[in-house]
């Protein structure tokens, strides 16, 4: 999978969960071992993404962490508030 496809996957998962889908943004950073995808949403929607006891965030991360990129780097998801 490419990095653009991972970004689209994150957007596909997150946009139906929030009230302001136009405010959803995904950025990315890289280091030697990881590609970090940084998810930012409207401040009113952060609770919807994290969920009770972090269950929604953990479910999203479980899906994303299962992705293997064409490079040997691993994927990480940071939720920015």
PDB file of N, CA and C in Angstrom:
ATOM      1  N   UNK A   1       0.839  -1.173   0.000  1.00  0.00           N
ATOM      2  CA  UNK A   1       0.000   0.000   0.000  1.00  0.00           C
ATOM      3  C   UNK A   1       0.892   1.248   0.000  1.00  0.00           C
ATOM      4  N   UNK A   2       0.446   2.277  -0.660  1.00  0.00           N
ATOM      5  CA  UNK A   2       1.220   3.511  -0.689  1.00  0.00           C
ATOM      6  C   UNK A   2       0.760   4.446   0.431  1.00  0.00           C
ATOM      7  N   UNK A   3       1.550   5.491   0.679  1.00  0.00           N
ATOM      8  CA  UNK A   3       1.209   6.451   1.725  1.00  0.00           C
ATOM      9  C   UNK A   3      -0.068   7.206   1.384  1.00  0.00           C
ATOM     10  N   UNK A   4      -0.299   7.487   0.114  1.00  0.00           N
ATOM     11  CA  UNK A   4      -1.532   8.161  -0.305  1.00  0.00           C
ATOM     12  C   UNK A   4      -2.753   7.271  -0.040  1.00  0.00           C
ATOM     13  N   UNK A   5      -2.609   5.975  -0.255  1.00  0.00           N
ATOM     14  CA  UNK A   5      -3.708   5.051   0.016  1.00  0.00           C
ATOM     15  C   UNK A   5      -4.004   4.956   1.507  1.00  0.00           C
ATOM     16  N   UNK A   6      -2.979   5.013   2.337  1.00  0.00           N
ATOM     17  CA  UNK A   6      -3.187   5.002   3.790  1.00  0.00           C
ATOM     18  C   UNK A   6      -3.917   6.271   4.216  1.00  0.00           C
ATOM     19  N   UNK A   7      -3.527   7.415   3.654  1.00  0.00           N
ATOM     20  CA  UNK A   7      -4.216   8.670   3.955  1.00  0.00           C
ATOM     21  C   UNK A   7      -5.686   8.570   3.574  1.00  0.00           C
ATOM     22  N   UNK A   8      -5.981   8.028   2.424  1.00  0.00           N
ATOM     23  CA  UNK A   8      -7.375   7.845   1.989  1.00  0.00           C
ATOM     24  C   UNK A   8      -8.121   6.884   2.902  1.00  0.00           C
ATOM     25  N   UNK A   9      -7.448   5.849   3.377  1.00  0.00           N
ATOM     26  CA  UNK A   9      -8.065   4.904   4.306  1.00  0.00           C
ATOM     27  C   UNK A   9      -8.446   5.612   5.609  1.00  0.00           C
ATOM     28  N   UNK A  10      -7.544   6.413   6.136  1.00  0.00           N
ATOM     29  CA  UNK A  10      -7.828   7.149   7.369  1.00  0.00           C
ATOM     30  C   UNK A  10      -9.016   8.077   7.171  1.00  0.00           C
ATOM     31  N   UNK A  11      -9.025   8.805   6.064  1.00  0.00           N
ATOM     32  CA  UNK A  11     -10.137   9.716   5.783  1.00  0.00           C
ATOM     33  C   UNK A  11     -11.454   8.962   5.625  1.00  0.00           C
ATOM     34  N   UNK A  12     -11.413   7.809   4.991  1.00  0.00           N
ATOM     35  CA  UNK A  12     -12.608   6.995   4.794  1.00  0.00           C
ATOM     36  C   UNK A  12     -13.167   6.503   6.129  1.00  0.00           C
ATOM     37  N   UNK A  13     -12.304   6.198   7.066  1.00  0.00           N
ATOM     38  CA  UNK A  13     -12.746   5.725   8.382  1.00  0.00           C
ATOM     39  C   UNK A  13     -13.266   6.881   9.236  1.00  0.00           C
ATOM     40  N   UNK A  14     -12.578   8.012   9.218  1.00  0.00           N
ATOM     41  CA  UNK A  14     -12.849   9.089  10.169  1.00  0.00           C
ATOM     42  C   UNK A  14     -14.006   9.995   9.742  1.00  0.00           C
ATOM     43  N   UNK A  15     -14.104  10.335   8.472  1.00  0.00           N
ATOM     44  CA  UNK A  15     -15.112  11.310   8.037  1.00  0.00           C
ATOM     45  C   UNK A  15     -16.550  10.942   8.418  1.00  0.00           C
ATOM     46  N   UNK A  16     -16.977   9.687   8.326  1.00  0.00           N
ATOM     47  CA  UNK A  16     -18.359   9.374   8.749  1.00  0.00           C
ATOM     48  C   UNK A  16     -18.583   9.500  10.260  1.00  0.00           C
ATOM     49  N   UNK A  17     -17.522   9.533  11.042  1.00  0.00           N
ATOM     50  CA  UNK A  17     -17.654   9.585  12.501  1.00  0.00           C
ATOM     51  C   UNK A  17     -17.825  11.000  13.049  1.00  0.00           C
ATOM     52  N   UNK A  18     -17.492  12.009  12.266  1.00  0.00           N
ATOM     53  CA  UNK A  18     -17.462  13.376  12.779  1.00  0.00           C
ATOM     54  C   UNK A  18     -18.622  14.203  12.222  1.00  0.00           C
ATOM     55  N   UNK A  19     -18.928  15.315  12.906  1.00  0.00           N
ATOM     56  CA  UNK A  19     -19.978  16.215  12.445  1.00  0.00           C
ATOM     57  C   UNK A  19     -19.453  17.226  11.427  1.00  0.00           C
ATOM     58  N   UNK A  20     -18.145  17.465  11.424  1.00  0.00           N
ATOM     59  CA  UNK A  20     -17.520  18.422  10.517  1.00  0.00           C
ATOM     60  C   UNK A  20     -16.491  17.718   9.638  1.00  0.00           C
ATOM     61  N   UNK A  21     -16.931  16.937   8.656  1.00  0.00           N
ATOM     62  CA  UNK A  21     -15.983  16.164   7.847  1.00  0.00           C
ATOM     63  C   UNK A  21     -15.035  17.019   7.007  1.00  0.00           C
ATOM     64  N   UNK A  22     -15.418  18.275   6.732  1.00  0.00           N
ATOM     65  CA  UNK A  22     -14.538  19.145   5.943  1.00  0.00           C
ATOM     66  C   UNK A  22     -13.308  19.591   6.730  1.00  0.00           C
ATOM     67  N   UNK A  23     -13.369  19.486   8.063  1.00  0.00           N
ATOM     68  CA  UNK A  23     -12.254  19.903   8.918  1.00  0.00           C
ATOM     69  C   UNK A  23     -11.238  18.791   9.166  1.00  0.00           C
ATOM     70  N   UNK A  24     -11.498  17.591   8.672  1.00  0.00           N
ATOM     71  CA  UNK A  24     -10.584  16.470   8.887  1.00  0.00           C
ATOM     72  C   UNK A  24      -9.364  16.644   7.988  1.00  0.00           C
ATOM     73  N   UNK A  25      -8.180  16.569   8.590  1.00  0.00           N
ATOM     74  CA  UNK A  25      -6.934  16.678   7.839  1.00  0.00           C
ATOM     75  C   UNK A  25      -5.970  15.595   8.303  1.00  0.00           C
ATOM     76  N   UNK A  26      -5.209  15.085   7.356  1.00  0.00           N
ATOM     77  CA  UNK A  26      -4.197  14.073   7.663  1.00  0.00           C
ATOM     78  C   UNK A  26      -2.870  14.557   7.104  1.00  0.00           C
ATOM     79  N   UNK A  27      -1.898  14.720   7.997  1.00  0.00           N
ATOM     80  CA  UNK A  27      -0.542  15.067   7.588  1.00  0.00           C
ATOM     81  C   UNK A  27       0.354  13.868   7.826  1.00  0.00           C
ATOM     82  N   UNK A  28       1.608  13.993   7.453  1.00  0.00           N
ATOM     83  CA  UNK A  28       2.514  12.874   7.712  1.00  0.00           C
ATOM     84  C   UNK A  28       3.942  13.349   7.920  1.00  0.00           C
ATOM     85  N   UNK A  29       4.657  12.568   8.709  1.00  0.00           N
ATOM     86  CA  UNK A  29       6.088  12.754   8.960  1.00  0.00           C
ATOM     87  C   UNK A  29       6.742  11.389   8.809  1.00  0.00           C
ATOM     88  N   UNK A  30       8.044  11.397   8.622  1.00  0.00           N
ATOM     89  CA  UNK A  30       8.763  10.127   8.508  1.00  0.00           C
ATOM     90  C   UNK A  30      10.047  10.191   9.311  1.00  0.00           C
ATOM     91  N   UNK A  31      10.484   9.048   9.777  1.00  0.00           N
ATOM     92  CA  UNK A  31      11.831   8.901  10.292  1.00  0.00           C
ATOM     93  C   UNK A  31      12.392   7.608   9.710  1.00  0.00           C
ATOM     94  N   UNK A  32      13.445   7.080  10.286  1.00  0.00           N
ATOM     95  CA  UNK A  32      14.098   5.907   9.708  1.00  0.00           C
ATOM     96  C   UNK A  32      13.237   4.646   9.735  1.00  0.00           C
ATOM     97  N   UNK A  33      12.343   4.539  10.730  1.00  0.00           N
ATOM     98  CA  UNK A  33      11.599   3.296  10.903  1.00  0.00           C
ATOM     99  C   UNK A  33      10.087   3.427  10.713  1.00  0.00           C
ATOM    100  N   UNK A  34       9.545   4.641  10.868  1.00  0.00           N
ATOM    101  CA  UNK A  34       8.099   4.821  10.870  1.00  0.00           C
ATOM    102  C   UNK A  34       7.659   5.930   9.921  1.00  0.00           C
ATOM    103  N   UNK A  35       6.417   5.803   9.476  1.00  0.00           N
ATOM    104  CA  UNK A  35       5.704   6.902   8.826  1.00  0.00           C
ATOM    105  C   UNK A  35       4.583   7.270   9.795  1.00  0.00           C
ATOM    106  N   UNK A  36       4.605   8.492  10.288  1.00  0.00           N
ATOM    107  CA  UNK A  36       3.619   8.970  11.248  1.00  0.00           C
ATOM    108  C   UNK A  36       2.539   9.746  10.510  1.00  0.00           C
ATOM    109  N   UNK A  37       1.307   9.290  10.626  1.00  0.00           N
ATOM    110  CA  UNK A  37       0.176  10.011  10.067  1.00  0.00           C
ATOM    111  C   UNK A  37      -0.452  10.791  11.209  1.00  0.00           C
ATOM    112  N   UNK A  38      -0.636  12.095  11.000  1.00  0.00           N
ATOM    113  CA  UNK A  38      -1.156  12.966  12.045  1.00  0.00           C
ATOM    114  C   UNK A  38      -2.571  13.393  11.666  1.00  0.00           C
ATOM    115  N   UNK A  39      -3.524  12.973  12.473  1.00  0.00           N
ATOM    116  CA  UNK A  39      -4.931  13.244  12.225  1.00  0.00           C
ATOM    117  C   UNK A  39      -5.374  14.441  13.054  1.00  0.00           C
ATOM    118  N   UNK A  40      -5.957  15.422  12.398  1.00  0.00           N
ATOM    119  CA  UNK A  40      -6.543  16.548  13.125  1.00  0.00           C
ATOM    120  C   UNK A  40      -7.985  16.710  12.679  1.00  0.00           C
ATOM    121  N   UNK A  41      -8.845  16.962  13.668  1.00  0.00           N
ATOM    122  CA  UNK A  41     -10.265  17.159  13.419  1.00  0.00           C
ATOM    123  C   UNK A  41     -10.708  18.421  14.145  1.00  0.00           C
ATOM    124  N   UNK A  42     -11.915  18.849  13.893  1.00  0.00           N
ATOM    125  CA  UNK A  42     -12.493  19.990  14.585  1.00  0.00           C
ATOM    126  C   UNK A  42     -12.509  19.700  16.087  1.00  0.00           C
ATOM    127  N   UNK A  43     -12.324  20.732  16.892  1.00  0.00           N
ATOM    128  CA  UNK A  43     -12.283  20.558  18.350  1.00  0.00           C
ATOM    129  C   UNK A  43     -13.567  19.943  18.899  1.00  0.00           C
ATOM    130  N   UNK A  44     -14.690  20.196  18.244  1.00  0.00           N
ATOM    131  CA  UNK A  44     -15.962  19.620  18.684  1.00  0.00           C
ATOM    132  C   UNK A  44     -16.050  18.119  18.417  1.00  0.00           C
ATOM    133  N   UNK A  45     -15.222  17.617  17.515  1.00  0.00           N
ATOM    134  CA  UNK A  45     -15.284  16.209  17.115  1.00  0.00           C
ATOM    135  C   UNK A  45     -14.224  15.324  17.772  1.00  0.00           C
ATOM    136  N   UNK A  46     -13.329  15.895  18.545  1.00  0.00           N
ATOM    137  CA  UNK A  46     -12.229  15.095  19.095  1.00  0.00           C
ATOM    138  C   UNK A  46     -12.752  13.967  19.998  1.00  0.00           C
ATOM    139  N   UNK A  47     -13.824  14.231  20.726  1.00  0.00           N
ATOM    140  CA  UNK A  47     -14.409  13.191  21.579  1.00  0.00           C
ATOM    141  C   UNK A  47     -14.989  12.039  20.784  1.00  0.00           C
ATOM    142  N   UNK A  48     -15.502  12.329  19.607  1.00  0.00           N
ATOM    143  CA  UNK A  48     -16.052  11.272  18.756  1.00  0.00           C
ATOM    144  C   UNK A  48     -14.948  10.363  18.226  1.00  0.00           C
ATOM    145  N   UNK A  49     -13.777  10.933  17.984  1.00  0.00           N
ATOM    146  CA  UNK A  49     -12.667  10.150  17.445  1.00  0.00           C
ATOM    147  C   UNK A  49     -11.990   9.332  18.546  1.00  0.00           C
ATOM    148  N   UNK A  50     -11.904   9.892  19.728  1.00  0.00           N
ATOM    149  CA  UNK A  50     -11.263   9.159  20.829  1.00  0.00           C
ATOM    150  C   UNK A  50     -12.226   8.126  21.407  1.00  0.00           C
ATOM    151  N   UNK A  51     -13.479   8.492  21.610  1.00  0.00           N
ATOM    152  CA  UNK A  51     -14.474   7.557  22.125  1.00  0.00           C
ATOM    153  C   UNK A  51     -14.325   7.338  23.614  1.00  0.00           C
ATOM    154  N   UNK A  52     -15.258   6.593  24.180  1.00  0.00           N
ATOM    155  CA  UNK A  52     -15.204   6.285  25.610  1.00  0.00           C
ATOM    156  C   UNK A  52     -14.012   5.390  25.891  1.00  0.00           C
ATOM    157  N   UNK A  53     -13.201   5.821  26.832  1.00  0.00           N
ATOM    158  CA  UNK A  53     -12.003   5.084  27.242  1.00  0.00           C
ATOM    159  C   UNK A  53     -11.046   4.826  26.083  1.00  0.00           C
ATOM    160  N   UNK A  54     -11.134   5.641  25.035  1.00  0.00           N
ATOM    161  CA  UNK A  54     -10.218   5.520  23.903  1.00  0.00           C
ATOM    162  C   UNK A  54     -10.491   4.358  22.979  1.00  0.00           C
ATOM    163  N   UNK A  55     -11.681   3.794  23.064  1.00  0.00           N
ATOM    164  CA  UNK A  55     -11.981   2.596  22.278  1.00  0.00           C
ATOM    165  C   UNK A  55     -12.051   2.867  20.780  1.00  0.00           C
ATOM    166  N   UNK A  56     -12.607   4.002  20.375  1.00  0.00           N
ATOM    167  CA  UNK A  56     -12.698   4.305  18.946  1.00  0.00           C
ATOM    168  C   UNK A  56     -11.303   4.552  18.383  1.00  0.00           C
ATOM    169  N   UNK A  57     -10.506   5.342  19.109  1.00  0.00           N
ATOM    170  CA  UNK A  57      -9.132   5.614  18.666  1.00  0.00           C
ATOM    171  C   UNK A  57      -8.338   4.315  18.553  1.00  0.00           C
ATOM    172  N   UNK A  58      -8.506   3.431  19.508  1.00  0.00           N
ATOM    173  CA  UNK A  58      -7.786   2.156  19.468  1.00  0.00           C
ATOM    174  C   UNK A  58      -8.226   1.301  18.289  1.00  0.00           C
ATOM    175  N   UNK A  59      -9.517   1.320  17.977  1.00  0.00           N
ATOM    176  CA  UNK A  59     -10.012   0.549  16.830  1.00  0.00           C
ATOM    177  C   UNK A  59      -9.441   1.095  15.523  1.00  0.00           C
ATOM    178  N   UNK A  60      -9.404   2.428  15.399  1.00  0.00           N
ATOM    179  CA  UNK A  60      -8.834   3.037  14.195  1.00  0.00           C
ATOM    180  C   UNK A  60      -7.358   2.666  14.077  1.00  0.00           C
ATOM    181  N   UNK A  61      -6.631   2.763  15.183  1.00  0.00           N
ATOM    182  CA  UNK A  61      -5.202   2.426  15.165  1.00  0.00           C
ATOM    183  C   UNK A  61      -4.973   0.957  14.820  1.00  0.00           C
ATOM    184  N   UNK A  62      -5.816   0.076  15.314  1.00  0.00           N
ATOM    185  CA  UNK A  62      -5.676  -1.351  15.008  1.00  0.00           C
ATOM    186  C   UNK A  62      -5.753  -1.591  13.506  1.00  0.00           C
ATOM    187  N   UNK A  63      -6.692  -0.923  12.850  1.00  0.00           N
ATOM    188  CA  UNK A  63      -6.823  -1.068  11.400  1.00  0.00           C
ATOM    189  C   UNK A  63      -5.603  -0.497  10.691  1.00  0.00           C
ATOM    190  N   UNK A  64      -5.192   0.703  11.078  1.00  0.00           N
ATOM    191  CA  UNK A  64      -4.094   1.391  10.414  1.00  0.00           C
ATOM    192  C   UNK A  64      -2.771   0.668  10.642  1.00  0.00           C
ATOM    193  N   UNK A  65      -2.551   0.163  11.849  1.00  0.00           N
ATOM    194  CA  UNK A  65      -1.278  -0.507  12.138  1.00  0.00           C
ATOM    195  C   UNK A  65      -1.136  -1.824  11.383  1.00  0.00           C
ATOM    196  N   UNK A  66      -2.225  -2.368  10.880  1.00  0.00           N
ATOM    197  CA  UNK A  66      -2.166  -3.591  10.093  1.00  0.00           C
ATOM    198  C   UNK A  66      -1.717  -3.366   8.661  1.00  0.00           C
ATOM    199  N   UNK A  67      -1.616  -2.118   8.264  1.00  0.00           N
ATOM    200  CA  UNK A  67      -1.222  -1.779   6.891  1.00  0.00           C
ATOM    201  C   UNK A  67       0.284  -1.938   6.738  1.00  0.00           C
ATOM    202  N   UNK A  68       0.679  -2.504   5.634  1.00  0.00           N
ATOM    203  CA  UNK A  68       2.104  -2.618   5.310  1.00  0.00           C
ATOM    204  C   UNK A  68       2.384  -1.758   4.090  1.00  0.00           C
ATOM    205  N   UNK A  69       3.335  -0.886   4.231  1.00  0.00           N
ATOM    206  CA  UNK A  69       3.717  -0.014   3.128  1.00  0.00           C
ATOM    207  C   UNK A  69       4.658  -0.744   2.178  1.00  0.00           C
ATOM    208  N   UNK A  70       4.792  -0.207   0.978  1.00  0.00           N
ATOM    209  CA  UNK A  70       5.707  -0.784   0.005  1.00  0.00           C
ATOM    210  C   UNK A  70       7.142  -0.714   0.520  1.00  0.00           C
ATOM    211  N   UNK A  71       7.456   0.343   1.270  1.00  0.00           N
ATOM    212  CA  UNK A  71       8.771   0.419   1.912  1.00  0.00           C
ATOM    213  C   UNK A  71       8.715  -0.442   3.172  1.00  0.00           C
ATOM    214  N   UNK A  72       9.816  -0.596   3.841  1.00  0.00           N
ATOM    215  CA  UNK A  72       9.849  -1.434   5.035  1.00  0.00           C
ATOM    216  C   UNK A  72       9.453  -0.669   6.291  1.00  0.00           C
ATOM    217  N   UNK A  73       8.995   0.568   6.142  1.00  0.00           N
ATOM    218  CA  UNK A  73       8.622   1.376   7.302  1.00  0.00           C
ATOM    219  C   UNK A  73       7.260   0.952   7.838  1.00  0.00           C
ATOM    220  N   UNK A  74       7.087   1.135   9.149  1.00  0.00           N
ATOM    221  CA  UNK A  74       5.821   0.818   9.792  1.00  0.00           C
ATOM    222  C   UNK A  74       4.986   2.082   9.919  1.00  0.00           C
ATOM    223  N   UNK A  75       3.707   1.907  10.128  1.00  0.00           N
ATOM    224  CA  UNK A  75       2.750   3.013  10.164  1.00  0.00           C
ATOM    225  C   UNK A  75       2.369   3.320  11.614  1.00  0.00           C
ATOM    226  N   UNK A  76       2.272   4.599  11.952  1.00  0.00           N
ATOM    227  CA  UNK A  76       1.798   5.057  13.254  1.00  0.00           C
ATOM    228  C   UNK A  76       0.781   6.161  13.032  1.00  0.00           C
ATOM    229  N   UNK A  77      -0.220   6.255  13.908  1.00  0.00           N
ATOM    230  CA  UNK A  77      -1.253   7.278  13.813  1.00  0.00           C
ATOM    231  C   UNK A  77      -1.257   8.113  15.079  1.00  0.00           C
ATOM    232  N   UNK A  78      -1.078   9.429  14.930  1.00  0.00           N
ATOM    233  CA  UNK A  78      -1.162  10.367  16.039  1.00  0.00           C
ATOM    234  C   UNK A  78      -2.415  11.197  15.859  1.00  0.00           C
ATOM    235  N   UNK A  79      -3.208  11.295  16.928  1.00  0.00           N
ATOM    236  CA  UNK A  79      -4.411  12.122  16.897  1.00  0.00           C
ATOM    237  C   UNK A  79      -4.076  13.424  17.605  1.00  0.00           C
ATOM    238  N   UNK A  80      -4.130  14.515  16.858  1.00  0.00           N
ATOM    239  CA  UNK A  80      -3.790  15.826  17.398  1.00  0.00           C
ATOM    240  C   UNK A  80      -5.027  16.516  17.925  1.00  0.00           C
ATOM    241  N   UNK A  81      -4.890  17.150  19.100  1.00  0.00           N
ATOM    242  CA  UNK A  81      -6.036  17.900  19.613  1.00  0.00           C
ATOM    243  C   UNK A  81      -5.735  19.349  19.753  1.00  0.00           C
TER     244      UNK A  81
END
